Protein backbone atom coordinates (compact mmCIF):
# COMPACT_ATOMS: atom_id res chain seq x y z
CA MET A 1 85.78 -32.41 18.24
CA GLU A 2 88.50 -33.19 17.78
CA ILE A 3 88.00 -31.20 13.62
CA ASN A 4 86.74 -27.80 15.70
CA THR A 5 90.16 -27.67 16.99
CA ASN A 6 91.70 -28.75 14.03
CA TRP A 7 89.92 -25.85 12.15
CA LEU A 8 91.88 -23.26 15.23
CA ILE A 9 94.69 -24.35 13.85
CA ASN A 10 94.27 -24.39 10.57
CA GLU A 11 92.49 -20.49 10.45
CA GLU A 12 95.98 -18.88 12.63
CA ASN A 13 98.44 -19.77 10.93
CA TRP A 14 96.53 -18.85 7.66
CA SER A 15 96.52 -15.19 9.41
CA SER A 16 100.55 -15.93 9.88
CA ILE A 17 100.48 -16.68 6.14
CA LYS A 18 98.50 -13.57 4.76
CA ALA A 19 100.69 -11.81 7.56
CA VAL A 20 103.45 -13.36 5.77
CA ILE A 21 102.50 -12.35 1.73
CA SER A 22 101.12 -8.63 2.50
CA LEU A 23 104.58 -7.77 3.93
CA GLU A 24 106.34 -9.23 0.66
CA ALA A 25 104.87 -6.43 -0.74
CA THR A 26 106.53 -3.93 1.20
CA ARG A 27 109.06 -1.01 -1.08
CA ILE A 28 111.82 -1.50 2.05
CA ARG A 29 114.68 -2.11 0.13
CA ARG A 30 117.47 -0.64 1.78
CA GLY A 31 120.12 -2.21 3.83
CA ASN A 32 119.42 -3.83 6.42
CA ASP A 33 115.97 -1.39 7.12
CA ALA A 34 113.91 -4.62 5.84
CA GLU A 35 114.90 -6.87 9.13
CA VAL A 36 114.96 -3.79 11.56
CA MET A 37 110.85 -3.20 10.42
CA ASN A 38 110.23 -7.34 10.56
CA THR A 39 111.25 -6.90 14.15
CA PHE A 40 109.06 -3.71 15.25
CA ARG A 41 106.42 -5.68 13.43
CA LYS A 42 106.59 -9.07 14.97
CA LEU A 43 107.08 -6.74 18.12
CA ALA A 44 104.00 -5.13 18.26
CA LEU A 45 101.82 -7.52 16.64
CA ASN A 46 103.18 -9.95 20.14
CA ILE A 47 102.11 -7.56 22.53
CA VAL A 48 98.20 -7.15 21.06
CA ARG A 49 98.77 -11.12 21.05
CA ASN A 50 99.75 -11.13 24.64
CA ASP A 51 97.15 -8.36 25.89
CA ASN A 52 93.85 -9.83 27.51
CA THR A 53 92.44 -6.13 28.36
CA ARG A 54 89.52 -7.26 26.11
CA LYS A 55 88.41 -9.73 23.75
CA ALA A 56 88.27 -8.62 20.38
CA SER A 57 90.94 -10.32 18.12
CA MET A 58 93.71 -9.78 16.50
CA LYS A 59 92.53 -8.18 13.32
CA ARG A 60 89.44 -5.95 15.53
CA LYS A 61 92.97 -4.90 18.12
CA LEU A 62 94.81 -3.78 15.66
CA LYS A 63 92.70 -2.23 14.20
CA MET A 64 91.59 -0.35 18.17
CA ALA A 65 95.22 0.56 18.06
CA THR A 66 95.13 2.50 15.13
CA LEU A 67 92.42 5.13 15.50
CA ASP A 68 92.36 4.82 19.92
CA ASP A 69 94.83 6.66 22.11
CA ASP A 70 93.81 5.47 24.87
CA PHE A 71 93.86 1.40 23.55
CA ARG A 72 97.18 2.39 22.12
CA ALA A 73 98.36 3.53 25.24
CA GLU A 74 97.98 0.06 27.07
CA LEU A 75 99.51 -1.94 24.97
CA LEU A 76 101.74 0.35 25.12
CA LEU A 77 102.42 1.30 28.69
CA GLY A 78 100.52 -2.07 30.27
CA GLU A 79 97.68 0.31 31.52
CA SER A 80 94.63 -1.04 32.30
């Protein structure tokens, strides 16, 4: 059982590392625009992470929020 917990922690860390790597590819360079966009990204990820309305992975919830207006409204407005 200890191995499974350790594996889960490593998987969570890896998804964060993948997000950081993809952020490095962005072209936001002017002034503090990169910091502002980073704040919005973190806010969006925290909103999705704290959502308990549907049982889905973080990746799946982000995709659903992109495609489904109702789900996006649930996330942003806190409606169920």
